[in-house]
């Protein structure tokens, strides 16, 4: 006995097979070694940059398959990885620091398949190769930075209120404020509890010295650690964009670790250098009263100041006191100054950071 089915069932099966076959086609085309160029600091990519890259490759005698310009990147495809790496060195050396030049493997899916969102199957590290990083956030340093920030805040708070404390220093416990009389200690205690209700303030007597021990509460320590993880996740995602990885995996593991998987990455040394770089943001006041060269020649830095190097390598004199830090930034976005048209970064501070910035700029 022969089973017979309605015609529409056969047509449905045929349709599913055809559609599945079409969406499986991108896996047959493979990947091309490519150099990806993207702009930073507001640098736009246009036909001028495309022509400039074409000239650089022609002068270097480097053969390429195609140049593809989109809104966010310029992609140069090659036939083999050796030519790709040579091209990366040539382009990076002549384009300058305003552009990011990264190597990656770009899918060679035809445009008509991309138009219907037919993309190659995701291949992880096991099938495609790449780099696996396990990174750990230094939570002790994060908490210590918070203690340092509070130490400066409390010093400024007591001075503004004209409370005559006899000493203020850091300890393993946190911040220690010393007073000569119980009245001064009580005034400082009340003021600190009012301004910083999340801090734990305890009193202690050491001989004739009356002390206040100021520490972070367990809840605030947890909040600081969680914020540090979120900041690092965001930073790593931004840095991975520089490497041109199509399908990275960046996720938290445990309380203080972050896993980064970069399938298809070829330049592992550069990936490690970019992802492992340390970034710290602090607002400090610049000093214009002292001559920096005289300070360098004498080797004596004025009290309350420290020498730093700027991007060009020359030294500047900044105050030790910190106005605000990256922990107090709520939002930041790039844009252009309406008056000068130059690139700028607009930063939004939290309530504490905004108050300190307001007091300083007054």
C-alpha atoms as a PDB file:
ATOM      1  CA  UNK A   1       0.000   0.000   0.000  1.00  0.00           C
ATOM      2  CA  UNK A   2       1.482   3.350  -1.013  1.00  0.00           C
ATOM      3  CA  UNK A   3       1.100   6.339   1.325  1.00  0.00           C
ATOM      4  CA  UNK A   4      -0.095   9.411  -0.485  1.00  0.00           C
ATOM      5  CA  UNK A   5       0.063  12.961   0.915  1.00  0.00           C
ATOM      6  CA  UNK A   6      -1.534  16.167  -0.315  1.00  0.00           C
ATOM      7  CA  UNK A   7       0.508  18.216  -2.782  1.00  0.00           C
ATOM      8  CA  UNK A   8       0.809  21.168  -0.410  1.00  0.00           C
ATOM      9  CA  UNK A   9       2.808  19.066   2.067  1.00  0.00           C
ATOM     10  CA  UNK A  10       5.384  18.184  -0.588  1.00  0.00           C
ATOM     11  CA  UNK A  11       5.580  21.839  -1.615  1.00  0.00           C
ATOM     12  CA  UNK A  12       6.050  22.890   2.009  1.00  0.00           C
ATOM     13  CA  UNK A  13       8.903  20.401   2.458  1.00  0.00           C
ATOM     14  CA  UNK A  14      10.504  21.604  -0.783  1.00  0.00           C
ATOM     15  CA  UNK A  15      10.169  25.241   0.327  1.00  0.00           C
ATOM     16  CA  UNK A  16      11.789  24.551   3.716  1.00  0.00           C
ATOM     17  CA  UNK A  17      14.680  22.675   2.074  1.00  0.00           C
ATOM     18  CA  UNK A  18      15.281  25.479  -0.442  1.00  0.00           C
ATOM     19  CA  UNK A  19      15.171  28.231   2.199  1.00  0.00           C
ATOM     20  CA  UNK A  20      17.438  26.218   4.501  1.00  0.00           C
ATOM     21  CA  UNK A  21      19.865  25.635   1.644  1.00  0.00           C
ATOM     22  CA  UNK A  22      19.969  29.354   0.795  1.00  0.00           C
ATOM     23  CA  UNK A  23      20.651  30.368   4.401  1.00  0.00           C
ATOM     24  CA  UNK A  24      23.349  27.685   4.659  1.00  0.00           C
ATOM     25  CA  UNK A  25      25.188  29.003   1.581  1.00  0.00           C
ATOM     26  CA  UNK A  26      27.261  31.652   3.476  1.00  0.00           C
ATOM     27  CA  UNK A  27      29.157  28.856   5.212  1.00  0.00           C
ATOM     28  CA  UNK A  28      30.567  27.729   1.841  1.00  0.00           C
ATOM     29  CA  UNK A  29      32.212  31.057   1.030  1.00  0.00           C
ATOM     30  CA  UNK A  30      34.601  31.155   3.990  1.00  0.00           C
ATOM     31  CA  UNK A  31      36.527  34.222   5.184  1.00  0.00           C
ATOM     32  CA  UNK A  32      39.018  36.638   3.659  1.00  0.00           C
ATOM     33  CA  UNK A  33      42.074  37.975   5.523  1.00  0.00           C
ATOM     34  CA  UNK A  34      41.249  41.652   5.926  1.00  0.00           C
ATOM     35  CA  UNK A  35      42.491  44.937   7.355  1.00  0.00           C
ATOM     36  CA  UNK A  36      39.818  47.007   9.083  1.00  0.00           C
ATOM     37  CA  UNK A  37      40.237  50.774   9.435  1.00  0.00           C
ATOM     38  CA  UNK A  38      38.036  52.852  11.729  1.00  0.00           C
ATOM     39  CA  UNK A  39      38.276  56.449  12.917  1.00  0.00           C
ATOM     40  CA  UNK A  40      38.745  57.749  16.452  1.00  0.00           C
ATOM     41  CA  UNK A  41      38.378  61.188  18.056  1.00  0.00           C
ATOM     42  CA  UNK A  42      35.595  62.096  15.634  1.00  0.00           C
ATOM     43  CA  UNK A  43      37.580  61.225  12.517  1.00  0.00           C
ATOM     44  CA  UNK A  44      35.184  60.380   9.710  1.00  0.00           C
ATOM     45  CA  UNK A  45      35.755  57.805   6.996  1.00  0.00           C
ATOM     46  CA  UNK A  46      35.082  59.009   3.466  1.00  0.00           C
ATOM     47  CA  UNK A  47      36.278  58.594  -0.103  1.00  0.00           C
ATOM     48  CA  UNK A  48      39.364  60.683   0.714  1.00  0.00           C
ATOM     49  CA  UNK A  49      40.530  58.127   3.280  1.00  0.00           C
ATOM     50  CA  UNK A  50      39.673  55.307   0.876  1.00  0.00           C
ATOM     51  CA  UNK A  51      41.781  56.880  -1.866  1.00  0.00           C
ATOM     52  CA  UNK A  52      44.612  57.518   0.599  1.00  0.00           C
ATOM     53  CA  UNK A  53      44.660  53.852   1.642  1.00  0.00           C
ATOM     54  CA  UNK A  54      44.600  52.796  -2.011  1.00  0.00           C
ATOM     55  CA  UNK A  55      47.655  54.973  -2.720  1.00  0.00           C
ATOM     56  CA  UNK A  56      49.503  53.601   0.348  1.00  0.00           C
ATOM     57  CA  UNK A  57      48.936  50.023  -0.802  1.00  0.00           C
ATOM     58  CA  UNK A  58      49.957  50.815  -4.368  1.00  0.00           C
ATOM     59  CA  UNK A  59      53.180  52.500  -3.216  1.00  0.00           C
ATOM     60  CA  UNK A  60      53.968  49.468  -1.038  1.00  0.00           C
ATOM     61  CA  UNK A  61      53.284  47.127  -3.942  1.00  0.00           C
ATOM     62  CA  UNK A  62      50.580  45.288  -1.984  1.00  0.00           C
ATOM     63  CA  UNK A  63      47.858  43.543  -3.979  1.00  0.00           C
ATOM     64  CA  UNK A  64      44.352  43.530  -2.524  1.00  0.00           C
ATOM     65  CA  UNK A  65      41.018  42.024  -3.525  1.00  0.00           C
ATOM     66  CA  UNK A  66      38.686  44.911  -2.696  1.00  0.00           C
ATOM     67  CA  UNK A  67      38.153  48.121  -0.754  1.00  0.00           C
ATOM     68  CA  UNK A  68      34.768  48.402   0.965  1.00  0.00           C
ATOM     69  CA  UNK A  69      33.728  51.660   2.617  1.00  0.00           C
ATOM     70  CA  UNK A  70      30.819  51.851   5.076  1.00  0.00           C
ATOM     71  CA  UNK A  71      29.733  54.427   7.650  1.00  0.00           C
ATOM     72  CA  UNK A  72      31.814  52.939  10.466  1.00  0.00           C
ATOM     73  CA  UNK A  73      34.773  51.263   8.767  1.00  0.00           C
ATOM     74  CA  UNK A  74      36.912  50.746   5.689  1.00  0.00           C
ATOM     75  CA  UNK A  75      37.552  47.075   4.945  1.00  0.00           C
ATOM     76  CA  UNK A  76      40.440  45.936   2.729  1.00  0.00           C
ATOM     77  CA  UNK A  77      40.364  42.269   1.681  1.00  0.00           C
ATOM     78  CA  UNK A  78      43.407  40.185   0.693  1.00  0.00           C
ATOM     79  CA  UNK A  79      44.159  36.729  -0.700  1.00  0.00           C
ATOM     80  CA  UNK A  80      46.481  35.520   2.080  1.00  0.00           C
ATOM     81  CA  UNK A  81      47.489  36.436   5.623  1.00  0.00           C
ATOM     82  CA  UNK A  82      51.112  37.319   4.792  1.00  0.00           C
ATOM     83  CA  UNK A  83      50.035  40.124   2.478  1.00  0.00           C
ATOM     84  CA  UNK A  84      47.402  41.136   5.020  1.00  0.00           C
ATOM     85  CA  UNK A  85      49.982  41.657   7.789  1.00  0.00           C
ATOM     86  CA  UNK A  86      52.309  43.590   5.467  1.00  0.00           C
ATOM     87  CA  UNK A  87      49.420  45.846   4.477  1.00  0.00           C
ATOM     88  CA  UNK A  88      48.481  46.425   8.116  1.00  0.00           C
ATOM     89  CA  UNK A  89      52.012  47.643   8.912  1.00  0.00           C
ATOM     90  CA  UNK A  90      52.094  49.939   5.858  1.00  0.00           C
ATOM     91  CA  UNK A  91      48.676  51.496   6.463  1.00  0.00           C
ATOM     92  CA  UNK A  92      49.118  51.889  10.240  1.00  0.00           C
ATOM     93  CA  UNK A  93      52.483  53.603   9.773  1.00  0.00           C
ATOM     94  CA  UNK A  94      51.171  56.223   7.341  1.00  0.00           C
ATOM     95  CA  UNK A  95      47.594  56.901   8.457  1.00  0.00           C
ATOM     96  CA  UNK A  96      48.644  58.148  11.901  1.00  0.00           C
ATOM     97  CA  UNK A  97      47.054  57.967  15.347  1.00  0.00           C
ATOM     98  CA  UNK A  98      43.647  59.233  14.243  1.00  0.00           C
ATOM     99  CA  UNK A  99      42.687  55.822  12.870  1.00  0.00           C
ATOM    100  CA  UNK A 100      42.564  52.295  14.262  1.00  0.00           C
ATOM    101  CA  UNK A 101      44.040  49.677  11.937  1.00  0.00           C
ATOM    102  CA  UNK A 102      43.187  46.089  12.909  1.00  0.00           C
ATOM    103  CA  UNK A 103      43.473  42.685  11.222  1.00  0.00           C
ATOM    104  CA  UNK A 104      40.566  40.250  11.172  1.00  0.00           C
ATOM    105  CA  UNK A 105      38.865  37.594   9.103  1.00  0.00           C
ATOM    106  CA  UNK A 106      35.952  39.049   7.134  1.00  0.00           C
ATOM    107  CA  UNK A 107      33.174  36.845   5.833  1.00  0.00           C
ATOM    108  CA  UNK A 108      33.130  36.711   2.015  1.00  0.00           C
ATOM    109  CA  UNK A 109      29.349  36.282   1.809  1.00  0.00           C
ATOM    110  CA  UNK A 110      27.919  37.817  -1.416  1.00  0.00           C
ATOM    111  CA  UNK A 111      25.906  41.013  -1.092  1.00  0.00           C
ATOM    112  CA  UNK A 112      22.632  39.376  -2.163  1.00  0.00           C
ATOM    113  CA  UNK A 113      22.877  36.901   0.714  1.00  0.00           C
ATOM    114  CA  UNK A 114      23.748  39.651   3.187  1.00  0.00           C
ATOM    115  CA  UNK A 115      20.700  41.591   1.974  1.00  0.00           C
ATOM    116  CA  UNK A 116      18.409  38.789   3.210  1.00  0.00           C
ATOM    117  CA  UNK A 117      20.424  38.496   6.455  1.00  0.00           C
ATOM    118  CA  UNK A 118      21.983  35.157   5.489  1.00  0.00           C
ATOM    119  CA  UNK A 119      25.153  35.038   7.602  1.00  0.00           C
ATOM    120  CA  UNK A 120      27.776  32.348   8.238  1.00  0.00           C
ATOM    121  CA  UNK A 121      27.310  30.060  11.216  1.00  0.00           C
ATOM    122  CA  UNK A 122      29.052  31.275  14.351  1.00  0.00           C
ATOM    123  CA  UNK A 123      32.231  29.273  14.976  1.00  0.00           C
ATOM    124  CA  UNK A 124      33.716  29.431  18.462  1.00  0.00           C
ATOM    125  CA  UNK A 125      37.316  29.011  19.522  1.00  0.00           C
ATOM    126  CA  UNK A 126      37.221  25.221  19.079  1.00  0.00           C
ATOM    127  CA  UNK A 127      36.427  25.404  15.355  1.00  0.00           C
ATOM    128  CA  UNK A 128      37.763  28.766  14.289  1.00  0.00           C
ATOM    129  CA  UNK A 129      40.654  29.386  16.672  1.00  0.00           C
ATOM    130  CA  UNK A 130      41.370  32.669  18.402  1.00  0.00           C
ATOM    131  CA  UNK A 131      42.203  33.973  21.869  1.00  0.00           C
ATOM    132  CA  UNK A 132      40.743  33.264  25.320  1.00  0.00           C
ATOM    133  CA  UNK A 133      41.470  35.728  28.129  1.00  0.00           C
ATOM    134  CA  UNK A 134      40.547  35.379  31.793  1.00  0.00           C
ATOM    135  CA  UNK A 135      40.964  38.758  33.472  1.00  0.00           C
ATOM    136  CA  UNK A 136      40.597  39.677  37.145  1.00  0.00           C
ATOM    137  CA  UNK A 137      39.683  43.096  38.506  1.00  0.00           C
ATOM    138  CA  UNK A 138      41.879  44.173  41.440  1.00  0.00           C
ATOM    139  CA  UNK A 139      39.095  44.750  43.966  1.00  0.00           C
ATOM    140  CA  UNK A 140      41.505  45.687  46.765  1.00  0.00           C
ATOM    141  CA  UNK A 141      42.851  48.535  44.631  1.00  0.00           C
ATOM    142  CA  UNK A 142      39.304  49.667  43.820  1.00  0.00           C
ATOM    143  CA  UNK A 143      38.384  49.851  47.516  1.00  0.00           C
ATOM    144  CA  UNK A 144      41.676  51.585  48.356  1.00  0.00           C
ATOM    145  CA  UNK A 145      40.989  54.187  45.665  1.00  0.00           C
ATOM    146  CA  UNK A 146      37.591  54.820  47.231  1.00  0.00           C
ATOM    147  CA  UNK A 147      39.231  55.253  50.647  1.00  0.00           C
ATOM    148  CA  UNK A 148      41.692  57.729  49.161  1.00  0.00           C
ATOM    149  CA  UNK A 149      38.863  59.676  47.571  1.00  0.00           C
ATOM    150  CA  UNK A 150      36.960  59.850  50.868  1.00  0.00           C
ATOM    151  CA  UNK A 151      40.108  60.936  52.672  1.00  0.00           C
ATOM    152  CA  UNK A 152      40.354  64.011  50.443  1.00  0.00           C
ATOM    153  CA  UNK A 153      36.603  64.638  50.685  1.00  0.00           C
ATOM    154  CA  UNK A 154      36.595  64.509  54.486  1.00  0.00           C
ATOM    155  CA  UNK A 155      39.636  66.777  54.755  1.00  0.00           C
ATOM    156  CA  UNK A 156      37.937  69.384  52.573  1.00  0.00           C
ATOM    157  CA  UNK A 157      34.656  69.010  54.454  1.00  0.00           C
ATOM    158  CA  UNK A 158      36.246  69.599  57.879  1.00  0.00           C
ATOM    159  CA  UNK A 159      38.282  72.558  56.652  1.00  0.00           C
ATOM    160  CA  UNK A 160      35.238  74.164  55.074  1.00  0.00           C
ATOM    161  CA  UNK A 161      33.305  73.761  58.345  1.00  0.00           C
ATOM    162  CA  UNK A 162      36.359  75.185  60.214  1.00  0.00           C
ATOM    163  CA  UNK A 163      36.580  72.199  62.527  1.00  0.00           C
ATOM    164  CA  UNK A 164      40.058  72.252  64.070  1.00  0.00           C
ATOM    165  CA  UNK A 165      41.063  68.605  63.918  1.00  0.00           C
ATOM    166  CA  UNK A 166      44.656  67.790  64.867  1.00  0.00           C
ATOM    167  CA  UNK A 167      45.366  65.092  62.282  1.00  0.00           C
ATOM    168  CA  UNK A 168      43.914  63.138  59.364  1.00  0.00           C
ATOM    169  CA  UNK A 169      45.600  60.062  57.946  1.00  0.00           C
ATOM    170  CA  UNK A 170      44.924  56.729  56.316  1.00  0.00           C
ATOM    171  CA  UNK A 171      45.183  53.372  58.036  1.00  0.00           C
ATOM    172  CA  UNK A 172      44.406  49.748  57.253  1.00  0.00           C
ATOM    173  CA  UNK A 173      40.913  50.351  58.570  1.00  0.00           C
ATOM    174  CA  UNK A 174      40.197  53.420  56.453  1.00  0.00           C
ATOM    175  CA  UNK A 175      40.494  57.084  57.428  1.00  0.00           C
ATOM    176  CA  UNK A 176      41.522  58.247  60.900  1.00  0.00           C
ATOM    177  CA  UNK A 177      40.612  61.744  62.131  1.00  0.00           C
ATOM    178  CA  UNK A 178      42.327  62.890  65.352  1.00  0.00           C
ATOM    179  CA  UNK A 179      41.015  65.591  67.685  1.00  0.00           C
ATOM    180  CA  UNK A 180      42.243  67.151  70.915  1.00  0.00           C
ATOM    181  CA  UNK A 181      38.856  67.580  72.583  1.00  0.00           C
ATOM    182  CA  UNK A 182      35.646  65.591  72.680  1.00  0.00           C
ATOM    183  CA  UNK A 183      33.662  68.626  71.429  1.00  0.00           C
ATOM    184  CA  UNK A 184      35.743  68.834  68.236  1.00  0.00           C
ATOM    185  CA  UNK A 185      35.404  65.072  67.724  1.00  0.00           C
ATOM    186  CA  UNK A 186      31.635  65.227  68.242  1.00  0.00           C
ATOM    187  CA  UNK A 187      31.338  68.088  65.715  1.00  0.00           C
ATOM    188  CA  UNK A 188      33.362  66.141  63.160  1.00  0.00           C
ATOM    189  CA  UNK A 189      31.373  62.970  63.852  1.00  0.00           C
ATOM    190  CA  UNK A 190      28.026  64.705  63.324  1.00  0.00           C
ATOM    191  CA  UNK A 191      29.148  66.460  60.145  1.00  0.00           C
ATOM    192  CA  UNK A 192      30.645  63.344  58.562  1.00  0.00           C
ATOM    193  CA  UNK A 193      27.570  61.226  59.343  1.00  0.00           C
ATOM    194  CA  UNK A 194      25.361  63.931  57.837  1.00  0.00           C
ATOM    195  CA  UNK A 195      27.344  64.340  54.598  1.00  0.00           C
ATOM    196  CA  UNK A 196      28.295  60.678  54.132  1.00  0.00           C
ATOM    197  CA  UNK A 197      25.558  58.515  55.681  1.00  0.00           C
ATOM    198  CA  UNK A 198      26.867  55.366  53.944  1.00  0.00           C
ATOM    199  CA  UNK A 199      30.179  55.478  55.843  1.00  0.00           C
ATOM    200  CA  UNK A 200      30.711  53.732  59.168  1.00  0.00           C
ATOM    201  CA  UNK A 201      32.060  56.168  61.796  1.00  0.00           C
ATOM    202  CA  UNK A 202      33.288  54.871  65.159  1.00  0.00           C
ATOM    203  CA  UNK A 203      35.012  56.597  68.066  1.00  0.00           C
ATOM    204  CA  UNK A 204      38.231  55.384  69.686  1.00  0.00           C
ATOM    205  CA  UNK A 205      40.531  56.769  72.382  1.00  0.00           C
ATOM    206  CA  UNK A 206      44.286  56.171  72.126  1.00  0.00           C
ATOM    207  CA  UNK A 207      45.948  57.723  75.183  1.00  0.00           C
ATOM    208  CA  UNK A 208      45.255  61.453  75.107  1.00  0.00           C
ATOM    209  CA  UNK A 209      44.276  61.337  71.430  1.00  0.00           C
ATOM    210  CA  UNK A 210      40.597  61.180  70.491  1.00  0.00           C
ATOM    211  CA  UNK A 211      39.996  59.472  67.154  1.00  0.00           C
ATOM    212  CA  UNK A 212      37.263  58.884  64.598  1.00  0.00           C
ATOM    213  CA  UNK A 213      37.675  55.724  62.486  1.00  0.00           C
ATOM    214  CA  UNK A 214      35.857  56.093  59.173  1.00  0.00           C
ATOM    215  CA  UNK A 215      35.367  52.972  57.052  1.00  0.00           C
ATOM    216  CA  UNK A 216      33.287  51.883  54.097  1.00  0.00           C
ATOM    217  CA  UNK A 217      30.168  49.895  54.891  1.00  0.00           C
ATOM    218  CA  UNK A 218      29.896  46.377  53.493  1.00  0.00           C
ATOM    219  CA  UNK A 219      27.044  47.486  51.230  1.00  0.00           C
ATOM    220  CA  UNK A 220      29.111  50.324  49.778  1.00  0.00           C
ATOM    221  CA  UNK A 221      32.056  47.995  49.227  1.00  0.00           C
ATOM    222  CA  UNK A 222      29.757  45.661  47.291  1.00  0.00           C
ATOM    223  CA  UNK A 223      28.391  48.585  45.254  1.00  0.00           C
ATOM    224  CA  UNK A 224      31.928  49.790  44.472  1.00  0.00           C
ATOM    225  CA  UNK A 225      33.006  46.308  43.350  1.00  0.00           C
ATOM    226  CA  UNK A 226      29.904  45.831  41.181  1.00  0.00           C
ATOM    227  CA  UNK A 227      30.422  49.237  39.565  1.00  0.00           C
ATOM    228  CA  UNK A 228      34.079  48.385  38.902  1.00  0.00           C
ATOM    229  CA  UNK A 229      33.057  45.180  37.102  1.00  0.00           C
ATOM    230  CA  UNK A 230      30.507  47.067  34.985  1.00  0.00           C
ATOM    231  CA  UNK A 231      33.076  49.715  34.093  1.00  0.00           C
ATOM    232  CA  UNK A 232      35.603  47.099  33.040  1.00  0.00           C
ATOM    233  CA  UNK A 233      33.038  45.229  30.955  1.00  0.00           C
ATOM    234  CA  UNK A 234      32.185  48.437  29.118  1.00  0.00           C
ATOM    235  CA  UNK A 235      35.857  49.317  28.606  1.00  0.00           C
ATOM    236  CA  UNK A 236      36.675  45.840  27.283  1.00  0.00           C
ATOM    237  CA  UNK A 237      33.766  45.931  24.832  1.00  0.00           C
ATOM    238  CA  UNK A 238      35.003  49.280  23.508  1.00  0.00           C
ATOM    239  CA  UNK A 239      38.557  47.955  23.193  1.00  0.00           C
ATOM    240  CA  UNK A 240      37.431  44.801  21.395  1.00  0.00           C
ATOM    241  CA  UNK A 241      35.919  47.078  18.736  1.00  0.00           C
ATOM    242  CA  UNK A 242      39.477  48.191  17.936  1.00  0.00           C
ATOM    243  CA  UNK A 243      40.403  44.605  17.090  1.00  0.00           C
ATOM    244  CA  UNK A 244      37.604  44.197  14.550  1.00  0.00           C
ATOM    245  CA  UNK A 245      36.271  40.944  16.038  1.00  0.00           C
ATOM    246  CA  UNK A 246      32.897  40.057  14.576  1.00  0.00           C
ATOM    247  CA  UNK A 247      31.435  37.854  17.343  1.00  0.00           C
ATOM    248  CA  UNK A 248      33.311  38.338  20.625  1.00  0.00           C
ATOM    249  CA  UNK A 249      32.191  36.921  23.975  1.00  0.00           C
ATOM    250  CA  UNK A 250      32.692  39.246  26.955  1.00  0.00           C
ATOM    251  CA  UNK A 251      31.010  38.192  30.179  1.00  0.00           C
ATOM    252  CA  UNK A 252      31.455  38.256  33.937  1.00  0.00           C
ATOM    253  CA  UNK A 253      32.634  35.124  35.725  1.00  0.00           C
ATOM    254  CA  UNK A 254      32.279  35.023  39.499  1.00  0.00           C
ATOM    255  CA  UNK A 255      32.684  38.145  41.625  1.00  0.00           C
ATOM    256  CA  UNK A 256      35.822  39.680  40.133  1.00  0.00           C
ATOM    257  CA  UNK A 257      36.689  37.943  36.856  1.00  0.00           C
ATOM    258  CA  UNK A 258      35.851  38.640  33.220  1.00  0.00           C
ATOM    259  CA  UNK A 259      36.077  36.137  30.368  1.00  0.00           C
ATOM    260  CA  UNK A 260      36.953  37.452  26.899  1.00  0.00           C
ATOM    261  CA  UNK A 261      36.855  35.153  23.865  1.00  0.00           C
ATOM    262  CA  UNK A 262      37.934  36.534  20.495  1.00  0.00           C
ATOM    263  CA  UNK A 263      37.337  34.013  17.682  1.00  0.00           C
ATOM    264  CA  UNK A 264      39.465  34.467  14.588  1.00  0.00           C
ATOM    265  CA  UNK A 265      41.899  36.983  16.090  1.00  0.00           C
ATOM    266  CA  UNK A 266      45.300  36.666  14.428  1.00  0.00           C
ATOM    267  CA  UNK A 267      47.426  39.272  16.207  1.00  0.00           C
ATOM    268  CA  UNK A 268      47.329  37.844  19.746  1.00  0.00           C
ATOM    269  CA  UNK A 269      50.119  40.097  21.057  1.00  0.00           C
ATOM    270  CA  UNK A 270      48.231  43.227  20.009  1.00  0.00           C
ATOM    271  CA  UNK A 271      45.001  41.871  21.487  1.00  0.00           C
ATOM    272  CA  UNK A 272      46.731  41.290  24.824  1.00  0.00           C
ATOM    273  CA  UNK A 273      48.297  44.771  24.750  1.00  0.00           C
ATOM    274  CA  UNK A 274      45.011  46.540  23.995  1.00  0.00           C
ATOM    275  CA  UNK A 275      42.864  44.596  26.460  1.00  0.00           C
ATOM    276  CA  UNK A 276      45.452  44.684  29.257  1.00  0.00           C
ATOM    277  CA  UNK A 277      46.109  48.431  29.168  1.00  0.00           C
ATOM    278  CA  UNK A 278      45.295  50.274  32.410  1.00  0.00           C
ATOM    279  CA  UNK A 279      43.082  53.351  32.222  1.00  0.00           C
ATOM    280  CA  UNK A 280      42.453  55.683  35.164  1.00  0.00           C
ATOM    281  CA  UNK A 281      40.563  58.957  34.990  1.00  0.00           C
ATOM    282  CA  UNK A 282      41.156  61.672  37.584  1.00  0.00           C
ATOM    283  CA  UNK A 283      40.480  65.410  37.540  1.00  0.00           C
ATOM    284  CA  UNK A 284      43.322  67.387  39.161  1.00  0.00           C
ATOM    285  CA  UNK A 285      44.132  71.077  39.217  1.00  0.00           C
ATOM    286  CA  UNK A 286      47.102  72.198  37.110  1.00  0.00           C
ATOM    287  CA  UNK A 287      49.666  74.548  38.688  1.00  0.00           C
ATOM    288  CA  UNK A 288      50.799  77.674  36.853  1.00  0.00           C
ATOM    289  CA  UNK A 289      52.588  79.455  39.713  1.00  0.00           C
ATOM    290  CA  UNK A 290      55.734  77.350  39.750  1.00  0.00           C
ATOM    291  CA  UNK A 291      58.132  76.967  36.852  1.00  0.00           C
ATOM    292  CA  UNK A 292      58.105  73.310  35.836  1.00  0.00           C
ATOM    293  CA  UNK A 293      61.662  73.408  34.491  1.00  0.00           C
ATOM    294  CA  UNK A 294      62.968  74.850  37.760  1.00  0.00           C
ATOM    295  CA  UNK A 295      61.229  72.045  39.644  1.00  0.00           C
ATOM    296  CA  UNK A 296      62.783  69.438  37.326  1.00  0.00           C
ATOM    297  CA  UNK A 297      66.282  70.956  37.615  1.00  0.00           C
ATOM    298  CA  UNK A 298      66.162  71.257  41.398  1.00  0.00           C
ATOM    299  CA  UNK A 299      64.468  67.912  41.939  1.00  0.00           C
ATOM    300  CA  UNK A 300      62.289  69.455  44.639  1.00  0.00           C
ATOM    301  CA  UNK A 301      58.558  69.234  44.038  1.00  0.00           C
ATOM    302  CA  UNK A 302      56.472  71.774  45.999  1.00  0.00           C
ATOM    303  CA  UNK A 303      54.388  70.346  48.832  1.00  0.00           C
ATOM    304  CA  UNK A 304      50.974  69.220  47.684  1.00  0.00           C
ATOM    305  CA  UNK A 305      52.026  68.766  44.047  1.00  0.00           C
ATOM    306  CA  UNK A 306      53.342  65.975  41.823  1.00  0.00           C
ATOM    307  CA  UNK A 307      54.986  65.835  38.398  1.00  0.00           C
ATOM    308  CA  UNK A 308      53.205  63.993  35.595  1.00  0.00           C
ATOM    309  CA  UNK A 309      53.937  63.395  31.909  1.00  0.00           C
ATOM    310  CA  UNK A 310      51.463  64.469  29.262  1.00  0.00           C
ATOM    311  CA  UNK A 311      50.812  62.721  25.938  1.00  0.00           C
ATOM    312  CA  UNK A 312      53.710  64.537  24.251  1.00  0.00           C
ATOM    313  CA  UNK A 313      56.198  63.453  26.934  1.00  0.00           C
ATOM    314  CA  UNK A 314      56.705  66.842  28.580  1.00  0.00           C
ATOM    315  CA  UNK A 315      56.067  67.224  32.319  1.00  0.00           C
ATOM    316  CA  UNK A 316      53.301  69.135  34.074  1.00  0.00           C
ATOM    317  CA  UNK A 317      52.748  69.990  37.733  1.00  0.00           C
ATOM    318  CA  UNK A 318      49.408  68.888  39.208  1.00  0.00           C
ATOM    319  CA  UNK A 319      47.943  69.087  42.681  1.00  0.00           C
ATOM    320  CA  UNK A 320      47.738  65.898  44.741  1.00  0.00           C
ATOM    321  CA  UNK A 321      44.131  66.565  45.703  1.00  0.00           C
ATOM    322  CA  UNK A 322      41.636  64.891  43.363  1.00  0.00           C
ATOM    323  CA  UNK A 323      38.610  66.903  42.241  1.00  0.00           C
ATOM    324  CA  UNK A 324      36.688  63.963  40.747  1.00  0.00           C
ATOM    325  CA  UNK A 325      37.411  60.465  39.459  1.00  0.00           C
ATOM    326  CA  UNK A 326      36.071  58.078  36.848  1.00  0.00           C
ATOM    327  CA  UNK A 327      33.988  56.372  39.547  1.00  0.00           C
ATOM    328  CA  UNK A 328      31.865  59.529  39.747  1.00  0.00           C
ATOM    329  CA  UNK A 329      31.082  59.628  36.028  1.00  0.00           C
ATOM    330  CA  UNK A 330      27.502  58.677  35.222  1.00  0.00           C
ATOM    331  CA  UNK A 331      27.654  59.175  31.448  1.00  0.00           C
ATOM    332  CA  UNK A 332      30.123  60.285  28.783  1.00  0.00           C
ATOM    333  CA  UNK A 333      29.629  60.854  25.078  1.00  0.00           C
ATOM    334  CA  UNK A 334      31.633  62.268  22.210  1.00  0.00           C
ATOM    335  CA  UNK A 335      30.581  65.203  20.084  1.00  0.00           C
ATOM    336  CA  UNK A 336      31.726  68.522  18.648  1.00  0.00           C
ATOM    337  CA  UNK A 337      32.073  71.935  20.248  1.00  0.00           C
ATOM    338  CA  UNK A 338      29.387  74.222  18.825  1.00  0.00           C
ATOM    339  CA  UNK A 339      31.644  77.283  18.861  1.00  0.00           C
ATOM    340  CA  UNK A 340      34.942  75.887  17.551  1.00  0.00           C
ATOM    341  CA  UNK A 341      33.758  72.731  15.790  1.00  0.00           C
ATOM    342  CA  UNK A 342      36.553  70.701  17.428  1.00  0.00           C
ATOM    343  CA  UNK A 343      35.944  67.202  18.880  1.00  0.00           C
ATOM    344  CA  UNK A 344      34.912  67.109  22.532  1.00  0.00           C
ATOM    345  CA  UNK A 345      33.758  64.693  25.223  1.00  0.00           C
ATOM    346  CA  UNK A 346      30.743  65.637  27.340  1.00  0.00           C
ATOM    347  CA  UNK A 347      30.899  64.138  30.842  1.00  0.00           C
ATOM    348  CA  UNK A 348      28.052  63.845  33.361  1.00  0.00           C
ATOM    349  CA  UNK A 349      29.060  63.465  37.031  1.00  0.00           C
ATOM    350  CA  UNK A 350      27.028  62.041  39.882  1.00  0.00           C
ATOM    351  CA  UNK A 351      25.776  64.287  42.695  1.00  0.00           C
ATOM    352  CA  UNK A 352      28.959  64.004  44.757  1.00  0.00           C
ATOM    353  CA  UNK A 353      31.298  64.612  41.822  1.00  0.00           C
ATOM    354  CA  UNK A 354      29.173  67.477  40.491  1.00  0.00           C
ATOM    355  CA  UNK A 355      29.195  69.190  43.904  1.00  0.00           C
ATOM    356  CA  UNK A 356      32.984  68.921  44.162  1.00  0.00           C
ATOM    357  CA  UNK A 357      33.467  70.195  40.615  1.00  0.00           C
ATOM    358  CA  UNK A 358      31.102  73.108  41.323  1.00  0.00           C
ATOM    359  CA  UNK A 359      32.985  74.039  44.493  1.00  0.00           C
ATOM    360  CA  UNK A 360      36.323  73.880  42.730  1.00  0.00           C
ATOM    361  CA  UNK A 361      35.309  75.891  39.664  1.00  0.00           C
ATOM    362  CA  UNK A 362      33.740  78.582  41.863  1.00  0.00           C
END
